[in-house]
Amino acid sequence: MNIATNSLRSLLLAITLTLSGVIAMTTPASAQTQPTAPTVTGVLVFITAKSGVNREQIMAVLPAEIRATTQLYLDGKIREWYSRGDGRGVIILVDTKDVAEAHSLIDSLPLSKTGFMDHEYIPVGPLMPLRLLLNTPSATDHAH
């Protein structure tokens, strides 16, 4: 077997495993039978302005928000942050293993204290189906 065929086979396997994981996550019975819980390596926080809050209200607090957020980044608490492409807020990847800690960090920010913002917290981690790639291949896998 040449390297190109082997690489293609590995890519197809990875895609199949990824799709299998997506299907399993959308099927309640399959999701309940997964052997281990996903490892949480961070928490995504989606932050948007509440309905009725205007730009001027946010801009009045923004300098303090920027300083506080920058300090969390420099302290290693924020791994990444992004502006939403639709202009409706920000997405922050908090370097924490649980939602409670992420919630505490975000609640400490000036805009959160004003009550102007809505927050959605999503724990994230490594793609679970990739663990299947680490299983020892059977003898028949080497014969092909």
N, C-alpha and C. Protein backbone atom coordinates (compact mmCIF):
# COMPACT_ATOMS: atom_id res chain seq x y z
N MET A 1 0.86 -1.18 0.00
CA MET A 1 0.00 0.00 0.00
C MET A 1 0.90 1.22 0.00
N ASN A 2 0.62 2.19 -0.87
CA ASN A 2 1.46 3.37 -0.92
C ASN A 2 1.01 4.41 0.11
N ILE A 3 1.84 5.42 0.31
CA ILE A 3 1.59 6.43 1.35
C ILE A 3 0.32 7.21 1.05
N ALA A 4 0.07 7.55 -0.21
CA ALA A 4 -1.13 8.32 -0.57
C ALA A 4 -2.40 7.53 -0.23
N THR A 5 -2.42 6.25 -0.53
CA THR A 5 -3.59 5.41 -0.23
C THR A 5 -3.78 5.31 1.28
N ASN A 6 -2.69 5.13 2.00
CA ASN A 6 -2.77 5.02 3.46
C ASN A 6 -3.26 6.34 4.07
N SER A 7 -2.78 7.47 3.55
CA SER A 7 -3.22 8.77 4.05
C SER A 7 -4.69 8.99 3.76
N LEU A 8 -5.13 8.63 2.55
CA LEU A 8 -6.53 8.75 2.19
C LEU A 8 -7.40 7.88 3.09
N ARG A 9 -6.94 6.68 3.35
CA ARG A 9 -7.68 5.76 4.23
C ARG A 9 -7.80 6.34 5.63
N SER A 10 -6.72 6.93 6.15
CA SER A 10 -6.74 7.55 7.48
C SER A 10 -7.69 8.73 7.51
N LEU A 11 -7.68 9.54 6.45
CA LEU A 11 -8.57 10.68 6.38
C LEU A 11 -10.03 10.24 6.35
N LEU A 12 -10.33 9.24 5.54
CA LEU A 12 -11.70 8.73 5.47
C LEU A 12 -12.14 8.16 6.81
N LEU A 13 -11.24 7.48 7.51
CA LEU A 13 -11.57 6.94 8.83
C LEU A 13 -11.87 8.08 9.80
N ALA A 14 -11.05 9.12 9.78
CA ALA A 14 -11.26 10.27 10.67
C ALA A 14 -12.61 10.93 10.39
N ILE A 15 -12.93 11.11 9.12
CA ILE A 15 -14.21 11.72 8.75
C ILE A 15 -15.37 10.83 9.21
N THR A 16 -15.25 9.53 8.99
CA THR A 16 -16.29 8.59 9.40
C THR A 16 -16.49 8.63 10.90
N LEU A 17 -15.40 8.65 11.66
CA LEU A 17 -15.50 8.69 13.12
C LEU A 17 -16.12 10.00 13.59
N THR A 18 -15.75 11.09 12.94
CA THR A 18 -16.32 12.38 13.31
C THR A 18 -17.82 12.39 13.06
N LEU A 19 -18.23 11.92 11.89
CA LEU A 19 -19.66 11.87 11.58
C LEU A 19 -20.39 10.92 12.50
N SER A 20 -19.76 9.80 12.85
CA SER A 20 -20.37 8.86 13.79
C SER A 20 -20.59 9.53 15.13
N GLY A 21 -19.62 10.33 15.56
CA GLY A 21 -19.76 11.05 16.83
C GLY A 21 -20.89 12.06 16.79
N VAL A 22 -21.03 12.75 15.67
CA VAL A 22 -22.11 13.72 15.52
C VAL A 22 -23.46 13.01 15.55
N ILE A 23 -23.56 11.90 14.86
CA ILE A 23 -24.82 11.13 14.86
C ILE A 23 -25.12 10.62 16.26
N ALA A 24 -24.09 10.12 16.94
CA ALA A 24 -24.29 9.61 18.30
C ALA A 24 -24.74 10.71 19.25
N MET A 25 -24.22 11.91 19.05
CA MET A 25 -24.58 13.03 19.93
C MET A 25 -26.00 13.49 19.69
N THR A 26 -26.54 13.22 18.50
CA THR A 26 -27.90 13.66 18.21
C THR A 26 -28.93 12.57 18.47
N THR A 27 -28.47 11.37 18.82
CA THR A 27 -29.36 10.27 19.13
C THR A 27 -29.36 10.06 20.64
N PRO A 28 -30.47 10.34 21.34
CA PRO A 28 -30.48 10.27 22.79
C PRO A 28 -30.02 8.92 23.35
N ALA A 29 -30.46 7.81 22.77
CA ALA A 29 -30.08 6.50 23.30
C ALA A 29 -28.58 6.28 23.18
N SER A 30 -27.99 6.68 22.06
CA SER A 30 -26.55 6.51 21.87
C SER A 30 -25.77 7.41 22.81
N ALA A 31 -26.24 8.62 22.99
CA ALA A 31 -25.52 9.57 23.83
C ALA A 31 -25.45 9.08 25.27
N GLN A 32 -26.48 8.38 25.72
CA GLN A 32 -26.52 7.90 27.09
C GLN A 32 -25.61 6.70 27.31
N THR A 33 -25.24 5.98 26.25
CA THR A 33 -24.44 4.79 26.42
C THR A 33 -22.95 5.03 26.21
N GLN A 34 -22.53 6.29 26.01
CA GLN A 34 -21.12 6.58 25.83
C GLN A 34 -20.38 6.21 27.11
N PRO A 35 -19.23 5.52 27.00
CA PRO A 35 -18.55 4.99 28.16
C PRO A 35 -17.94 6.05 29.08
N THR A 36 -17.46 7.14 28.55
CA THR A 36 -16.83 8.14 29.39
C THR A 36 -17.36 9.52 29.05
N ALA A 37 -17.35 10.37 30.05
CA ALA A 37 -17.78 11.75 29.83
C ALA A 37 -16.66 12.51 29.13
N PRO A 38 -17.01 13.47 28.31
CA PRO A 38 -15.97 14.25 27.64
C PRO A 38 -15.13 15.01 28.66
N THR A 39 -13.87 15.17 28.34
CA THR A 39 -12.97 15.97 29.15
C THR A 39 -13.21 17.44 28.82
N VAL A 40 -13.45 18.25 29.83
CA VAL A 40 -13.66 19.68 29.61
C VAL A 40 -12.31 20.38 29.71
N THR A 41 -11.94 21.08 28.64
CA THR A 41 -10.67 21.80 28.62
C THR A 41 -10.86 23.32 28.56
N GLY A 42 -12.10 23.75 28.46
CA GLY A 42 -12.40 25.18 28.41
C GLY A 42 -13.90 25.39 28.36
N VAL A 43 -14.29 26.64 28.48
CA VAL A 43 -15.71 26.99 28.40
C VAL A 43 -15.85 28.15 27.42
N LEU A 44 -16.68 27.94 26.40
CA LEU A 44 -17.03 29.03 25.48
C LEU A 44 -18.13 29.86 26.12
N VAL A 45 -17.97 31.17 26.09
CA VAL A 45 -18.99 32.05 26.63
C VAL A 45 -19.43 33.00 25.52
N PHE A 46 -20.70 32.92 25.18
CA PHE A 46 -21.29 33.81 24.18
C PHE A 46 -21.93 34.97 24.95
N ILE A 47 -21.49 36.18 24.67
CA ILE A 47 -21.97 37.36 25.39
C ILE A 47 -22.66 38.29 24.39
N THR A 48 -23.93 38.58 24.65
CA THR A 48 -24.70 39.48 23.78
C THR A 48 -25.45 40.49 24.64
N ALA A 49 -25.72 41.64 24.06
CA ALA A 49 -26.49 42.67 24.77
C ALA A 49 -27.94 42.23 24.89
N LYS A 50 -28.51 42.49 26.05
CA LYS A 50 -29.93 42.19 26.26
C LYS A 50 -30.79 43.11 25.40
N SER A 51 -31.96 42.66 25.08
CA SER A 51 -32.92 43.46 24.33
C SER A 51 -33.21 44.75 25.10
N GLY A 52 -33.20 45.87 24.39
CA GLY A 52 -33.49 47.15 25.02
C GLY A 52 -32.26 47.91 25.49
N VAL A 53 -31.11 47.23 25.53
CA VAL A 53 -29.87 47.92 25.92
C VAL A 53 -29.30 48.57 24.67
N ASN A 54 -28.98 49.86 24.75
CA ASN A 54 -28.49 50.55 23.57
C ASN A 54 -26.96 50.67 23.57
N ARG A 55 -26.45 51.06 22.43
CA ARG A 55 -25.01 51.15 22.22
C ARG A 55 -24.34 52.13 23.20
N GLU A 56 -25.00 53.24 23.47
CA GLU A 56 -24.44 54.25 24.37
C GLU A 56 -24.26 53.69 25.78
N GLN A 57 -25.20 52.88 26.25
CA GLN A 57 -25.08 52.27 27.57
C GLN A 57 -23.84 51.38 27.64
N ILE A 58 -23.64 50.60 26.59
CA ILE A 58 -22.50 49.69 26.55
C ILE A 58 -21.20 50.47 26.43
N MET A 59 -21.18 51.48 25.56
CA MET A 59 -19.96 52.27 25.35
C MET A 59 -19.51 52.99 26.62
N ALA A 60 -20.44 53.35 27.49
CA ALA A 60 -20.09 54.02 28.73
C ALA A 60 -19.28 53.11 29.67
N VAL A 61 -19.50 51.81 29.56
CA VAL A 61 -18.82 50.83 30.43
C VAL A 61 -17.64 50.17 29.72
N LEU A 62 -17.57 50.31 28.42
CA LEU A 62 -16.58 49.58 27.63
C LEU A 62 -15.12 49.79 28.03
N PRO A 63 -14.66 51.01 28.34
CA PRO A 63 -13.25 51.14 28.74
C PRO A 63 -12.89 50.28 29.97
N ALA A 64 -13.75 50.25 30.96
CA ALA A 64 -13.51 49.40 32.14
C ALA A 64 -13.58 47.92 31.78
N GLU A 65 -14.49 47.58 30.88
CA GLU A 65 -14.63 46.19 30.41
C GLU A 65 -13.35 45.73 29.71
N ILE A 66 -12.82 46.58 28.85
CA ILE A 66 -11.61 46.23 28.11
C ILE A 66 -10.44 46.01 29.07
N ARG A 67 -10.28 46.91 30.06
CA ARG A 67 -9.20 46.75 31.03
C ARG A 67 -9.34 45.45 31.82
N ALA A 68 -10.55 45.16 32.29
CA ALA A 68 -10.78 43.95 33.09
C ALA A 68 -10.59 42.69 32.26
N THR A 69 -11.07 42.69 31.03
CA THR A 69 -10.92 41.53 30.15
C THR A 69 -9.45 41.31 29.80
N THR A 70 -8.74 42.39 29.52
CA THR A 70 -7.31 42.28 29.22
C THR A 70 -6.56 41.72 30.42
N GLN A 71 -6.93 42.12 31.62
CA GLN A 71 -6.26 41.59 32.82
C GLN A 71 -6.52 40.09 32.96
N LEU A 72 -7.74 39.65 32.70
CA LEU A 72 -8.03 38.20 32.74
C LEU A 72 -7.22 37.45 31.70
N TYR A 73 -7.04 38.05 30.53
CA TYR A 73 -6.22 37.42 29.49
C TYR A 73 -4.76 37.32 29.96
N LEU A 74 -4.23 38.40 30.49
CA LEU A 74 -2.85 38.41 30.95
C LEU A 74 -2.64 37.46 32.13
N ASP A 75 -3.70 37.22 32.92
CA ASP A 75 -3.63 36.28 34.04
C ASP A 75 -3.79 34.82 33.58
N GLY A 76 -4.01 34.62 32.27
CA GLY A 76 -4.17 33.27 31.74
C GLY A 76 -5.55 32.68 31.93
N LYS A 77 -6.53 33.50 32.27
CA LYS A 77 -7.90 33.00 32.48
C LYS A 77 -8.71 32.98 31.18
N ILE A 78 -8.37 33.87 30.25
CA ILE A 78 -9.02 33.89 28.94
C ILE A 78 -8.00 33.40 27.93
N ARG A 79 -8.36 32.32 27.24
CA ARG A 79 -7.46 31.74 26.24
C ARG A 79 -7.57 32.48 24.91
N GLU A 80 -8.81 32.79 24.50
CA GLU A 80 -9.06 33.47 23.22
C GLU A 80 -10.32 34.29 23.36
N TRP A 81 -10.43 35.34 22.54
CA TRP A 81 -11.68 36.09 22.46
C TRP A 81 -11.89 36.61 21.05
N TYR A 82 -13.14 36.73 20.69
CA TYR A 82 -13.51 37.10 19.32
C TYR A 82 -14.72 38.02 19.35
N SER A 83 -14.79 38.91 18.35
CA SER A 83 -16.02 39.64 18.09
C SER A 83 -16.89 38.75 17.21
N ARG A 84 -18.17 38.75 17.47
CA ARG A 84 -19.07 37.98 16.62
C ARG A 84 -19.15 38.63 15.25
N GLY A 85 -19.18 37.82 14.21
CA GLY A 85 -19.26 38.31 12.84
C GLY A 85 -20.52 39.10 12.56
N ASP A 86 -21.58 38.84 13.33
CA ASP A 86 -22.84 39.55 13.12
C ASP A 86 -22.91 40.84 13.94
N GLY A 87 -21.82 41.15 14.69
CA GLY A 87 -21.78 42.38 15.46
C GLY A 87 -22.61 42.38 16.72
N ARG A 88 -23.10 41.21 17.13
CA ARG A 88 -24.02 41.14 18.27
C ARG A 88 -23.36 40.82 19.61
N GLY A 89 -22.03 40.86 19.67
CA GLY A 89 -21.39 40.59 20.95
C GLY A 89 -20.03 39.95 20.76
N VAL A 90 -19.62 39.21 21.78
CA VAL A 90 -18.31 38.57 21.76
C VAL A 90 -18.43 37.10 22.16
N ILE A 91 -17.39 36.37 21.81
CA ILE A 91 -17.25 34.97 22.23
C ILE A 91 -15.90 34.86 22.91
N ILE A 92 -15.90 34.34 24.12
CA ILE A 92 -14.67 34.21 24.90
C ILE A 92 -14.47 32.73 25.21
N LEU A 93 -13.23 32.25 25.01
CA LEU A 93 -12.87 30.89 25.44
C LEU A 93 -12.12 31.03 26.75
N VAL A 94 -12.79 30.63 27.83
CA VAL A 94 -12.23 30.74 29.17
C VAL A 94 -11.43 29.47 29.47
N ASP A 95 -10.23 29.65 30.01
CA ASP A 95 -9.35 28.52 30.33
C ASP A 95 -9.71 27.98 31.72
N THR A 96 -10.75 27.17 31.76
CA THR A 96 -11.23 26.58 33.00
C THR A 96 -11.84 25.22 32.70
N LYS A 97 -11.93 24.40 33.70
CA LYS A 97 -12.45 23.04 33.53
C LYS A 97 -13.94 22.93 33.85
N ASP A 98 -14.57 24.02 34.31
CA ASP A 98 -16.00 23.92 34.60
C ASP A 98 -16.72 25.25 34.40
N VAL A 99 -18.01 25.14 34.19
CA VAL A 99 -18.85 26.30 33.90
C VAL A 99 -18.94 27.23 35.10
N ALA A 100 -18.97 26.69 36.31
CA ALA A 100 -19.10 27.53 37.51
C ALA A 100 -17.94 28.53 37.61
N GLU A 101 -16.73 28.08 37.35
CA GLU A 101 -15.58 28.99 37.40
C GLU A 101 -15.66 30.03 36.28
N ALA A 102 -16.05 29.60 35.08
CA ALA A 102 -16.20 30.54 33.96
C ALA A 102 -17.27 31.59 34.31
N HIS A 103 -18.36 31.14 34.90
CA HIS A 103 -19.45 32.03 35.29
C HIS A 103 -18.93 33.07 36.29
N SER A 104 -18.15 32.63 37.25
CA SER A 104 -17.60 33.52 38.26
C SER A 104 -16.69 34.58 37.63
N LEU A 105 -15.84 34.16 36.68
CA LEU A 105 -14.95 35.10 36.01
C LEU A 105 -15.72 36.13 35.19
N ILE A 106 -16.69 35.66 34.43
CA ILE A 106 -17.47 36.56 33.57
C ILE A 106 -18.33 37.50 34.42
N ASP A 107 -18.87 36.99 35.52
CA ASP A 107 -19.67 37.84 36.42
C ASP A 107 -18.86 38.96 37.04
N SER A 108 -17.53 38.80 37.09
CA SER A 108 -16.67 39.83 37.67
C SER A 108 -16.43 41.00 36.71
N LEU A 109 -16.80 40.85 35.46
CA LEU A 109 -16.55 41.90 34.46
C LEU A 109 -17.57 43.04 34.59
N PRO A 110 -17.13 44.27 34.32
CA PRO A 110 -18.02 45.43 34.47
C PRO A 110 -19.35 45.35 33.71
N LEU A 111 -19.32 44.90 32.45
CA LEU A 111 -20.59 44.82 31.70
C LEU A 111 -21.54 43.78 32.30
N SER A 112 -21.00 42.71 32.84
CA SER A 112 -21.85 41.70 33.49
C SER A 112 -22.50 42.28 34.74
N LYS A 113 -21.74 43.09 35.46
CA LYS A 113 -22.27 43.69 36.69
C LYS A 113 -23.41 44.67 36.41
N THR A 114 -23.45 45.26 35.21
CA THR A 114 -24.52 46.21 34.88
C THR A 114 -25.84 45.51 34.60
N GLY A 115 -25.77 44.22 34.26
CA GLY A 115 -26.99 43.50 33.89
C GLY A 115 -27.39 43.74 32.45
N PHE A 116 -26.51 44.38 31.66
CA PHE A 116 -26.80 44.69 30.26
C PHE A 116 -26.66 43.47 29.35
N MET A 117 -25.98 42.43 29.80
CA MET A 117 -25.58 41.36 28.90
C MET A 117 -26.24 40.03 29.23
N ASP A 118 -26.47 39.24 28.17
CA ASP A 118 -26.88 37.84 28.32
C ASP A 118 -25.65 36.98 28.08
N HIS A 119 -25.57 35.85 28.77
CA HIS A 119 -24.43 34.95 28.65
C HIS A 119 -24.91 33.53 28.41
N GLU A 120 -24.19 32.83 27.55
CA GLU A 120 -24.43 31.40 27.33
C GLU A 120 -23.09 30.70 27.52
N TYR A 121 -23.08 29.67 28.36
CA TYR A 121 -21.85 28.95 28.71
C TYR A 121 -21.89 27.54 28.13
N ILE A 122 -20.85 27.19 27.39
CA ILE A 122 -20.78 25.87 26.77
C ILE A 122 -19.42 25.25 27.07
N PRO A 123 -19.40 24.18 27.90
CA PRO A 123 -18.12 23.50 28.14
C PRO A 123 -17.67 22.78 26.87
N VAL A 124 -16.36 22.83 26.58
CA VAL A 124 -15.82 22.20 25.37
C VAL A 124 -14.59 21.37 25.73
N GLY A 125 -14.28 20.43 24.85
CA GLY A 125 -13.10 19.59 25.05
C GLY A 125 -12.76 18.86 23.77
N PRO A 126 -11.82 17.93 23.87
CA PRO A 126 -11.41 17.18 22.68
C PRO A 126 -12.58 16.42 22.04
N LEU A 127 -12.52 16.25 20.74
CA LEU A 127 -13.56 15.54 20.00
C LEU A 127 -13.54 14.07 20.43
N MET A 128 -14.62 13.61 21.03
CA MET A 128 -14.68 12.26 21.62
C MET A 128 -14.40 11.12 20.63
N PRO A 129 -14.93 11.13 19.40
CA PRO A 129 -14.67 10.01 18.51
C PRO A 129 -13.19 9.80 18.18
N LEU A 130 -12.37 10.82 18.37
CA LEU A 130 -10.94 10.66 18.09
C LEU A 130 -10.29 9.63 19.01
N ARG A 131 -10.90 9.37 20.19
CA ARG A 131 -10.37 8.35 21.09
C ARG A 131 -10.34 6.97 20.42
N LEU A 132 -11.27 6.76 19.50
CA LEU A 132 -11.32 5.47 18.80
C LEU A 132 -10.07 5.25 17.96
N LEU A 133 -9.43 6.31 17.51
CA LEU A 133 -8.21 6.18 16.72
C LEU A 133 -7.05 5.66 17.55
N LEU A 134 -7.14 5.79 18.86
CA LEU A 134 -6.06 5.36 19.73
C LEU A 134 -6.15 3.89 20.11
N ASN A 135 -7.25 3.24 19.77
CA ASN A 135 -7.38 1.80 20.03
C ASN A 135 -6.36 1.04 19.20
N THR A 136 -5.87 -0.07 19.73
CA THR A 136 -4.90 -0.88 19.02
C THR A 136 -5.56 -1.50 17.79
N PRO A 137 -4.95 -1.31 16.60
CA PRO A 137 -5.54 -1.89 15.38
C PRO A 137 -5.46 -3.42 15.44
N SER A 138 -6.45 -4.05 14.85
CA SER A 138 -6.45 -5.52 14.82
C SER A 138 -5.49 -6.03 13.74
N ALA A 139 -5.21 -7.31 13.77
CA ALA A 139 -4.29 -7.93 12.80
C ALA A 139 -4.83 -7.79 11.39
N THR A 140 -6.16 -7.78 11.21
CA THR A 140 -6.72 -7.68 9.86
C THR A 140 -6.50 -6.28 9.29
N ASP A 141 -6.37 -5.25 10.15
CA ASP A 141 -6.11 -3.90 9.66
C ASP A 141 -4.73 -3.82 9.01
N HIS A 142 -3.77 -4.58 9.52
CA HIS A 142 -2.41 -4.55 8.98
C HIS A 142 -2.31 -5.36 7.69
N ALA A 143 -3.22 -6.28 7.47
CA ALA A 143 -3.15 -7.16 6.29
C ALA A 143 -3.57 -6.44 5.02
N HIS A 144 -4.31 -5.33 5.14
CA HIS A 144 -4.82 -4.63 3.94
C HIS A 144 -3.83 -3.66 3.42
